[in-house]
Protein backbone atom coordinates (compact mmCIF):
# COMPACT_ATOMS: atom_id res chain seq x y z
CA UNK A 1 82.57 34.17 -6.49
CA UNK A 2 83.65 30.56 -7.06
CA UNK A 3 83.52 28.32 -3.99
CA UNK A 4 86.18 25.81 -3.11
CA UNK A 5 84.89 22.38 -2.00
CA UNK A 6 87.32 21.07 0.61
CA UNK A 7 88.28 17.52 1.52
CA UNK A 8 86.04 16.85 4.55
CA UNK A 9 86.97 15.16 7.83
CA UNK A 10 84.58 12.19 7.69
CA UNK A 11 85.84 10.46 10.84
CA UNK A 12 87.37 11.68 14.12
CA UNK A 13 90.81 10.27 13.24
CA UNK A 14 90.88 11.28 9.58
CA UNK A 15 93.81 13.49 8.59
CA UNK A 16 93.90 12.57 4.91
CA UNK A 17 91.85 10.45 2.55
CA UNK A 18 91.64 8.94 -0.92
CA UNK A 19 89.28 10.45 -3.46
CA UNK A 20 88.01 7.08 -4.68
CA UNK A 21 85.41 8.22 -7.22
CA UNK A 22 83.72 11.35 -8.48
CA UNK A 23 79.93 11.05 -8.76
CA UNK A 24 79.64 14.32 -10.71
CA UNK A 25 81.46 15.85 -13.66
CA UNK A 26 82.38 19.41 -14.58
CA UNK A 27 79.32 21.34 -15.68
CA UNK A 28 76.84 19.34 -13.60
CA UNK A 29 74.25 21.25 -11.58
CA UNK A 30 73.89 19.95 -8.03
CA UNK A 31 71.55 20.68 -5.14
CA UNK A 32 72.13 20.49 -1.40
CA UNK A 33 72.26 16.84 -0.40
CA UNK A 34 73.35 15.53 -3.82
CA UNK A 35 76.27 13.09 -3.73
CA UNK A 36 79.52 14.54 -5.01
CA UNK A 37 82.14 11.84 -4.42
CA UNK A 38 83.14 8.63 -2.67
CA UNK A 39 85.99 9.15 -0.22
CA UNK A 40 88.05 6.46 1.47
CA UNK A 41 88.87 7.41 5.05
CA UNK A 42 91.09 5.63 7.55
CA UNK A 43 88.08 3.44 8.39
CA UNK A 44 85.63 3.17 5.52
CA UNK A 45 84.49 4.34 2.09
CA UNK A 46 81.92 7.09 2.56
CA UNK A 47 79.80 9.29 0.30
CA UNK A 48 80.31 13.06 0.42
CA UNK A 49 77.28 15.32 -0.10
CA UNK A 50 76.95 18.86 -1.39
CA UNK A 51 75.91 21.38 1.28
CA UNK A 52 74.39 23.84 -1.19
CA UNK A 53 73.34 24.15 -4.81
CA UNK A 54 75.56 25.27 -7.66
CA UNK A 55 77.39 24.20 -10.79
CA UNK A 56 80.51 22.05 -10.68
CA UNK A 57 83.08 24.31 -12.32
CA UNK A 58 86.27 22.32 -11.91
CA UNK A 59 87.40 19.05 -10.37
CA UNK A 60 90.79 19.74 -8.78
CA UNK A 61 91.64 16.21 -7.62
CA UNK A 62 91.62 13.20 -9.91
CA UNK A 63 89.86 9.95 -9.03
CA UNK A 64 92.10 7.55 -7.14
CA UNK A 65 94.32 10.27 -5.66
CA UNK A 66 95.62 9.11 -2.28
CA UNK A 67 96.80 11.15 0.68
CA UNK A 68 94.58 14.20 0.08
CA UNK A 69 94.82 16.24 3.27
CA UNK A 70 91.67 17.31 5.11
CA UNK A 71 90.64 20.87 4.12
CA UNK A 72 92.53 20.67 0.81
CA UNK A 73 90.43 22.03 -2.13
CA UNK A 74 89.14 19.15 -4.26
CA UNK A 75 86.65 20.98 -6.51
CA UNK A 76 85.31 24.43 -7.35
CA UNK A 77 81.60 25.33 -7.49
CA UNK A 78 80.43 28.24 -9.63
CA UNK A 79 78.26 31.00 -8.24
CA UNK A 80 75.13 32.21 -10.01
CA UNK A 81 76.07 33.92 -13.26
CA UNK A 82 79.66 32.65 -13.29
CA UNK A 83 81.30 30.49 -15.91
CA UNK A 84 84.30 28.18 -15.95
CA UNK A 85 86.38 31.05 -17.34
CA UNK A 86 85.87 32.94 -14.08
CA UNK A 87 87.83 30.35 -12.13
CA UNK A 88 91.04 30.54 -14.12
CA UNK A 89 92.74 31.73 -10.96
CA UNK A 90 91.44 28.76 -8.94
CA UNK A 91 94.03 26.50 -7.33
CA UNK A 92 95.80 24.09 -9.61
CA UNK A 93 94.92 20.42 -9.49
CA UNK A 94 96.17 18.77 -6.31
CA UNK A 95 99.50 17.05 -6.84
CA UNK A 96 100.06 13.47 -5.85
CA UNK A 97 101.40 13.31 -2.27
CA UNK A 98 104.71 11.81 -3.41
CA UNK A 99 105.41 14.84 -5.59
CA UNK A 100 104.83 17.41 -2.87
CA UNK A 101 106.54 15.96 0.18
CA UNK A 102 109.02 18.82 0.32
CA UNK A 103 106.37 21.49 0.83
CA UNK A 104 103.69 19.37 2.60
CA UNK A 105 104.02 21.30 5.85
CA UNK A 106 103.42 24.80 4.36
CA UNK A 107 100.41 23.46 2.40
CA UNK A 108 98.92 21.86 5.51
CA UNK A 109 99.34 25.12 7.41
CA UNK A 110 97.66 27.03 4.60
CA UNK A 111 94.74 24.58 4.44
CA UNK A 112 94.15 24.91 8.17
CA UNK A 113 93.55 28.69 8.03
CA UNK A 114 89.91 29.58 8.73
CA UNK A 115 87.97 31.19 5.93
CA UNK A 116 87.18 34.90 6.35
CA UNK A 117 83.83 35.42 8.03
CA UNK A 118 82.73 38.60 6.27
CA UNK A 119 80.45 38.06 3.27
CA UNK A 120 81.55 41.24 1.50
CA UNK A 121 84.63 42.08 -0.55
CA UNK A 122 86.33 45.37 -0.97
CA UNK A 123 85.16 45.67 -4.55
CA UNK A 124 81.68 47.06 -4.65
CA UNK A 125 80.34 45.68 -1.34
CA UNK A 126 79.03 42.56 -3.09
CA UNK A 127 77.36 40.06 -0.80
CA UNK A 128 78.32 36.44 -1.54
CA UNK A 129 75.42 34.05 -1.06
CA UNK A 130 74.21 30.85 -2.66
CA UNK A 131 71.24 31.15 -5.06
CA UNK A 132 69.05 29.18 -2.65
CA UNK A 133 70.00 31.47 0.24
CA UNK A 134 69.14 34.51 -1.88
CA UNK A 135 65.69 33.10 -2.74
CA UNK A 136 64.89 32.29 0.90
CA UNK A 137 66.07 35.75 1.99
CA UNK A 138 63.91 37.41 -0.65
CA UNK A 139 60.84 35.41 0.40
CA UNK A 140 61.35 36.31 4.06
CA UNK A 141 62.33 39.93 3.47
CA UNK A 142 65.78 39.49 4.98
CA UNK A 143 68.67 41.85 4.21
CA UNK A 144 71.65 39.60 3.40
CA UNK A 145 74.09 42.42 4.15
CA UNK A 146 73.39 41.99 7.85
CA UNK A 147 74.08 38.23 7.96
CA UNK A 148 77.46 36.62 8.58
CA UNK A 149 77.93 33.66 6.26
CA UNK A 150 79.05 30.30 7.57
CA UNK A 151 79.98 28.84 4.18
CA UNK A 152 83.42 28.83 2.56
CA UNK A 153 85.02 32.30 2.49
CA UNK A 154 82.11 33.75 4.44
CA UNK A 155 79.55 32.79 1.81
CA UNK A 156 75.93 32.89 3.05
CA UNK A 157 74.23 29.51 2.69
CA UNK A 158 70.74 28.13 3.28
CA UNK A 159 71.27 27.44 7.00
CA UNK A 160 72.26 31.07 7.67
CA UNK A 161 68.96 32.52 6.45
CA UNK A 162 66.49 29.79 7.41
CA UNK A 163 66.52 30.74 11.09
CA UNK A 164 66.91 34.48 10.57
CA UNK A 165 64.05 36.93 11.07
CA UNK A 166 63.54 40.23 9.22
CA UNK A 167 63.57 42.17 12.48
CA UNK A 168 66.83 40.70 13.63
CA UNK A 169 68.50 40.07 10.30
CA UNK A 170 70.96 42.91 10.83
CA UNK A 171 72.52 41.14 13.80
CA UNK A 172 75.51 38.97 12.95
CA UNK A 173 74.89 35.24 13.01
CA UNK A 174 75.84 33.68 16.31
CA UNK A 175 78.14 31.04 14.92
CA UNK A 176 81.48 32.12 13.40
CA UNK A 177 82.19 30.97 9.88
CA UNK A 178 84.96 28.66 10.86
CA UNK A 179 82.56 26.67 13.09
CA UNK A 180 80.76 25.32 10.02
CA UNK A 181 83.90 24.20 8.22
CA UNK A 182 84.85 20.55 8.62
CA UNK A 183 87.42 20.13 11.35
CA UNK A 184 90.16 17.59 11.19
CA UNK A 185 90.57 15.38 14.22
CA UNK A 186 93.44 16.20 16.55
CA UNK A 187 96.58 14.39 15.42
CA UNK A 188 97.11 11.07 17.13
CA UNK A 189 100.04 10.67 19.46
CA UNK A 190 103.30 10.34 17.60
CA UNK A 191 105.04 7.02 17.57
CA UNK A 192 108.01 6.71 19.94
CA UNK A 193 111.43 7.53 18.60
CA UNK A 194 113.35 4.62 17.16
CA UNK A 195 115.40 3.67 14.12
CA UNK A 196 114.53 5.75 11.08
CA UNK A 197 112.87 4.19 8.06
CA UNK A 198 116.11 4.45 6.06
CA UNK A 199 118.10 2.85 8.89
CA UNK A 200 115.73 -0.13 9.08
CA UNK A 201 115.78 -0.59 5.29
CA UNK A 202 119.58 -0.47 5.36
CA UNK A 203 119.65 -3.38 7.83
CA UNK A 204 117.98 -5.63 5.25
CA UNK A 205 120.00 -4.72 2.18
CA UNK A 206 120.73 -7.85 0.18
CA UNK A 207 117.72 -9.70 1.63
CA UNK A 208 114.59 -10.37 -0.39
CA UNK A 209 111.56 -8.45 0.91
CA UNK A 210 108.38 -6.77 -0.22
CA UNK A 211 107.63 -3.22 0.89
CA UNK A 212 104.01 -2.85 2.02
CA UNK A 213 102.62 0.67 1.89
CA UNK A 214 100.69 1.73 5.01
CA UNK A 215 97.07 2.64 4.32
CA UNK A 216 95.08 5.04 6.47
CA UNK A 217 93.64 2.30 8.67
CA UNK A 218 97.03 0.77 9.49
CA UNK A 219 98.47 4.22 10.29
CA UNK A 220 95.55 4.93 12.61
CA UNK A 221 95.83 1.56 14.36
CA UNK A 222 99.57 2.12 14.88
CA UNK A 223 99.06 5.62 16.27
CA UNK A 224 96.11 4.81 18.54
CA UNK A 225 97.54 1.62 20.03
CA UNK A 226 100.92 3.26 20.57
CA UNK A 227 99.07 6.04 22.37
CA UNK A 228 97.13 3.48 24.41
CA UNK A 229 100.20 1.61 25.61
CA UNK A 230 102.06 4.84 26.35
CA UNK A 231 99.30 6.69 28.18
CA UNK A 232 96.87 4.11 29.60
CA UNK A 233 98.02 2.40 32.82
CA UNK A 234 96.92 -1.16 32.01
CA UNK A 235 96.55 -3.92 34.55
CA UNK A 236 95.28 -7.43 33.89
CA UNK A 237 92.84 -9.78 35.61
CA UNK A 238 92.53 -13.43 34.56
CA UNK A 239 89.84 -16.05 35.13
CA UNK A 240 88.81 -19.43 33.77
CA UNK A 241 85.17 -20.04 32.91
CA UNK A 242 83.47 -23.45 32.75
CA UNK A 243 81.32 -23.50 29.65
CA UNK A 244 79.52 -26.86 29.88
CA UNK A 245 76.24 -25.37 31.15
CA UNK A 246 76.39 -22.65 28.49
CA UNK A 247 77.14 -25.10 25.67
CA UNK A 248 74.21 -27.31 26.68
CA UNK A 249 71.86 -24.32 27.03
CA UNK A 250 73.02 -22.89 23.67
CA UNK A 251 72.37 -26.21 21.90
CA UNK A 252 68.82 -26.34 23.32
CA UNK A 253 68.08 -22.75 22.32
CA UNK A 254 69.47 -23.18 18.81
CA UNK A 255 67.29 -26.26 18.29
CA UNK A 256 64.20 -24.26 19.26
CA UNK A 257 65.27 -21.24 17.19
CA UNK A 258 66.11 -23.26 14.08
CA UNK A 259 62.66 -22.71 12.45
CA UNK A 260 63.32 -18.95 12.66
CA UNK A 261 66.76 -19.30 11.05
CA UNK A 262 68.53 -18.07 14.20
CA UNK A 263 71.77 -19.63 15.37
CA UNK A 264 73.35 -18.20 18.52
CA UNK A 265 77.14 -18.20 18.90
CA UNK A 266 79.14 -18.35 22.12
CA UNK A 267 80.17 -14.77 21.33
CA UNK A 268 76.52 -13.66 21.51
CA UNK A 269 76.34 -14.99 25.07
CA UNK A 270 79.62 -13.23 25.95
CA UNK A 271 78.26 -9.89 24.68
CA UNK A 272 75.10 -10.30 26.75
CA UNK A 273 77.07 -11.41 29.82
CA UNK A 274 79.32 -8.34 29.63
CA UNK A 275 76.38 -5.97 29.08
CA UNK A 276 74.55 -7.30 32.15
CA UNK A 277 77.76 -7.26 34.22
CA UNK A 278 78.21 -3.56 33.45
CA UNK A 279 74.69 -2.94 34.78
CA UNK A 280 75.43 -4.98 37.92
CA UNK A 281 78.70 -3.05 38.49
CA UNK A 282 77.75 0.44 37.24
CA UNK A 283 80.92 2.13 38.51
CA UNK A 284 82.88 0.08 35.99
CA UNK A 285 80.69 1.21 33.07
CA UNK A 286 82.92 4.21 32.54
CA UNK A 287 85.41 5.94 30.23
CA UNK A 288 88.38 8.24 30.80
CA UNK A 289 87.69 11.82 29.60
CA UNK A 290 91.00 13.55 30.29
CA UNK A 291 90.14 15.48 33.45
CA UNK A 292 87.06 13.48 34.43
CA UNK A 293 85.46 10.03 34.32
CA UNK A 294 82.17 9.55 32.47
CA UNK A 295 79.89 6.81 33.83
CA UNK A 296 77.34 5.69 31.28
CA UNK A 297 73.87 4.40 32.08
CA UNK A 298 73.40 2.02 29.10
CA UNK A 299 75.75 -0.85 28.29
CA UNK A 300 77.29 0.05 24.94
CA UNK A 301 79.59 -2.87 24.14
CA UNK A 302 82.14 -2.75 21.32
CA UNK A 303 83.25 -5.98 19.64
CA UNK A 304 86.50 -6.26 17.66
CA UNK A 305 85.98 -7.46 14.07
CA UNK A 306 89.02 -8.45 12.01
CA UNK A 307 89.04 -7.24 8.42
CA UNK A 308 91.70 -7.35 5.74
CA UNK A 309 94.47 -4.97 6.79
CA UNK A 310 93.07 -4.04 10.20
CA UNK A 311 90.05 -4.17 12.45
CA UNK A 312 86.86 -2.37 13.45
CA UNK A 313 85.16 -2.24 16.83
CA UNK A 314 81.45 -1.72 16.01
CA UNK A 315 79.34 -0.84 19.05
CA UNK A 316 76.17 -2.67 20.14
CA UNK A 317 74.25 0.05 21.97
CA UNK A 318 71.86 -0.71 24.85
CA UNK A 319 73.05 -4.33 24.72
CA UNK A 320 71.61 -5.06 28.16
CA UNK A 321 68.10 -4.41 26.80
CA UNK A 322 68.32 -6.68 23.75
CA UNK A 323 67.55 -10.37 23.46
CA UNK A 324 70.24 -12.86 22.49
CA UNK A 325 68.67 -13.31 19.05
CA UNK A 326 68.56 -9.53 18.50
CA UNK A 327 72.20 -9.17 19.55
CA UNK A 328 73.14 -12.06 17.24
CA UNK A 329 71.40 -10.49 14.23
CA UNK A 330 72.83 -7.03 14.90
CA UNK A 331 76.35 -8.38 15.37
CA UNK A 332 76.20 -10.33 12.11
CA UNK A 333 75.04 -7.21 10.25
CA UNK A 334 77.72 -4.98 11.80
CA UNK A 335 80.45 -7.55 11.13
CA UNK A 336 79.44 -7.92 7.48
CA UNK A 337 79.38 -4.17 6.88
CA UNK A 338 82.66 -3.77 8.78
CA UNK A 339 84.34 -6.24 6.41
CA UNK A 340 82.87 -4.30 3.47
CA UNK A 341 84.08 -1.05 5.11
CA UNK A 342 80.54 0.32 4.98
CA UNK A 343 80.09 1.28 8.64
CA UNK A 344 79.12 4.86 9.46
CA UNK A 345 81.33 6.61 12.07
CA UNK A 346 78.56 6.56 14.70
CA UNK A 347 78.49 2.75 14.43
CA UNK A 348 82.09 2.29 15.58
CA UNK A 349 82.52 5.30 17.89
CA UNK A 350 81.71 5.28 21.59
CA UNK A 351 81.08 2.45 23.99
CA UNK A 352 82.69 1.95 27.40
CA UNK A 353 83.84 -1.64 27.10
CA UNK A 354 85.15 -3.91 24.35
CA UNK A 355 85.44 -7.63 23.60
CA UNK A 356 88.22 -9.21 21.55
CA UNK A 357 87.66 -12.92 20.87
CA UNK A 358 90.45 -14.97 19.31
CA UNK A 359 89.11 -18.31 20.52
CA UNK A 360 88.00 -19.29 17.01
CA UNK A 361 91.68 -19.16 15.98
CA UNK A 362 92.71 -21.60 18.68
CA UNK A 363 94.32 -18.95 20.91
CA UNK A 364 94.06 -20.11 24.52
CA UNK A 365 94.69 -16.74 26.19
CA UNK A 366 96.11 -13.31 25.44
CA UNK A 367 96.18 -9.72 26.71
CA UNK A 368 94.23 -7.16 24.65
CA UNK A 369 95.14 -3.47 24.38
CA UNK A 370 92.50 -1.03 25.65
CA UNK A 371 90.92 1.14 22.95
CA UNK A 372 90.77 4.66 24.48
CA UNK A 373 88.62 6.05 25.97
CA UNK A 374 87.19 2.66 27.03
CA UNK A 375 87.72 1.63 30.63
CA UNK A 376 88.35 -2.06 29.89
CA UNK A 377 88.53 -4.78 27.25
CA UNK A 378 87.90 -8.52 27.63
CA UNK A 379 90.25 -10.87 25.77
CA UNK A 380 88.53 -14.21 25.13
CA UNK A 381 90.39 -17.45 24.41
CA UNK A 382 89.29 -20.82 23.08
CA UNK A 383 87.10 -23.21 25.05
CA UNK A 384 89.17 -26.37 25.64
CA UNK A 385 88.52 -29.68 27.31
CA UNK A 386 90.56 -29.79 30.51
CA UNK A 387 90.77 -31.95 33.65
CA UNK A 388 89.14 -30.13 36.58
CA UNK A 389 88.22 -30.91 40.17
CA UNK A 390 84.45 -31.34 40.55
CA UNK A 391 82.22 -30.09 43.37
CA UNK A 392 82.64 -33.32 45.31
CA UNK A 393 86.41 -33.35 44.86
CA UNK A 394 86.41 -35.87 42.04
CA UNK A 395 88.56 -35.39 38.95
CA UNK A 396 86.48 -34.77 35.83
CA UNK A 397 86.68 -33.18 32.38
CA UNK A 398 85.11 -29.80 31.57
CA UNK A 399 85.12 -27.26 28.75
CA UNK A 400 87.12 -24.33 30.10
CA UNK A 401 87.62 -20.90 28.53
CA UNK A 402 90.35 -18.51 29.66
CA UNK A 403 89.59 -14.76 29.70
CA UNK A 404 91.75 -11.73 30.54
CA UNK A 405 90.29 -8.35 31.49
CA UNK A 406 92.61 -5.46 30.57
CA UNK A 407 91.69 -2.48 32.76
CA UNK A 408 92.50 1.24 32.72
CA UNK A 409 93.61 1.91 36.32
CA UNK A 410 92.60 5.57 36.02
CA UNK A 411 88.98 4.49 35.63
CA UNK A 412 88.69 1.14 37.43
CA UNK A 413 90.64 -0.02 40.48
CA UNK A 414 91.63 -3.61 41.15
CA UNK A 415 88.76 -4.62 43.41
CA UNK A 416 86.19 -3.02 41.09
CA UNK A 417 87.69 -4.76 38.07
CA UNK A 418 87.63 -8.08 39.94
CA UNK A 419 83.95 -7.53 40.77
CA UNK A 420 83.15 -6.83 37.11
CA UNK A 421 85.00 -9.91 35.89
CA UNK A 422 83.31 -12.00 38.57
CA UNK A 423 79.89 -10.94 37.28
CA UNK A 424 80.87 -11.83 33.72
CA UNK A 425 81.98 -15.29 34.86
CA UNK A 426 78.79 -15.75 36.89
CA UNK A 427 76.61 -14.86 33.89
CA UNK A 428 78.41 -17.27 31.56
CA UNK A 429 78.49 -20.16 34.01
CA UNK A 430 74.76 -19.73 34.79
CA UNK A 431 73.43 -18.62 31.37
CA UNK A 432 69.74 -19.04 32.19
CA UNK A 433 70.08 -16.15 34.67
CA UNK A 434 70.72 -13.84 31.70
CA UNK A 435 67.18 -14.48 30.45
CA UNK A 436 65.52 -13.72 33.79
């Protein structure tokens, strides 16, 4: 029985993707773990692997096809002994999204149906299993008729028989078939009602404009930030930080680190300061989880990285444990791969706290939007020379940086947020303390 290969959900927010490139062709024999295709998600371009062995019978979606819904068939694999002629009844090649808008909803509903769990058909009690699964079952003396397959259409795959024992092979597998199928992330919150697309376009008739098509990343940003502003009760705390001690300390460190090719940025110090502040105020190292608050032990700090058409927030895990030079090297690597859209999902998911720094663009201060489920985000402005009152009351000039802490009031109350921001300021104004 031919097996449909479905468009996988390669990120939590992915609802559709672009089949950028096929890495196999019809007639190729593939094994589990072989690369089948490159798929562009809402966040990155990722490689898609085969989960079992077989022969590529038919490619249903052409390279470069955009808007392929998760769980839509993209290829057909042949079973042992089958030929391409046996899949004449396979689904037709996926149409371009623009040509199937009218019936997109019925197709999406059809794609979401779970595959039948039973491995047998009504015609002759044939058991559908991959060749590799059959060989393993034969070696272990396992009766395939007693195993529930977790592959497409109830097909028995390698994982189903590896853990099975001859004595207990007649018992159904514990996991239902649909548990193994890729699951699309829950749809993001819908945008608020407003003028329709046609109504907005009509307003600008007769004016010169260029229509820019929304890619997956821009759609995701729009949905998630709309959700954040609608559902997260933001409040804002502002402070000014004197950077003179930090700038002097940074210059001294960079001079000593120059033989190693290390150059620390102000942002590296900000990451470290926030990580240590979260340890000093552990109740603020938390995220909102719907009906509960999760307080994390490590300081996993996300940092916004601007890329063409959007942004990533890669996460520096256990940031409180890492040296400034280690944080600097890791941040440079994550930022480079973010701009190349080569980050893996686990590298930009998670964290409790985020930093958004627009100081390098000359922005003096701004309010950042919290990235759910984070409890807070620090907006960092430019360091500017300003007149200040010194310790002895004299008027002097200092380098001052304005920061704003956006806080989720469900997770962090005002006094707790003020304590967290105070620790961040303390760390940055006395940078040597961060090395103690």
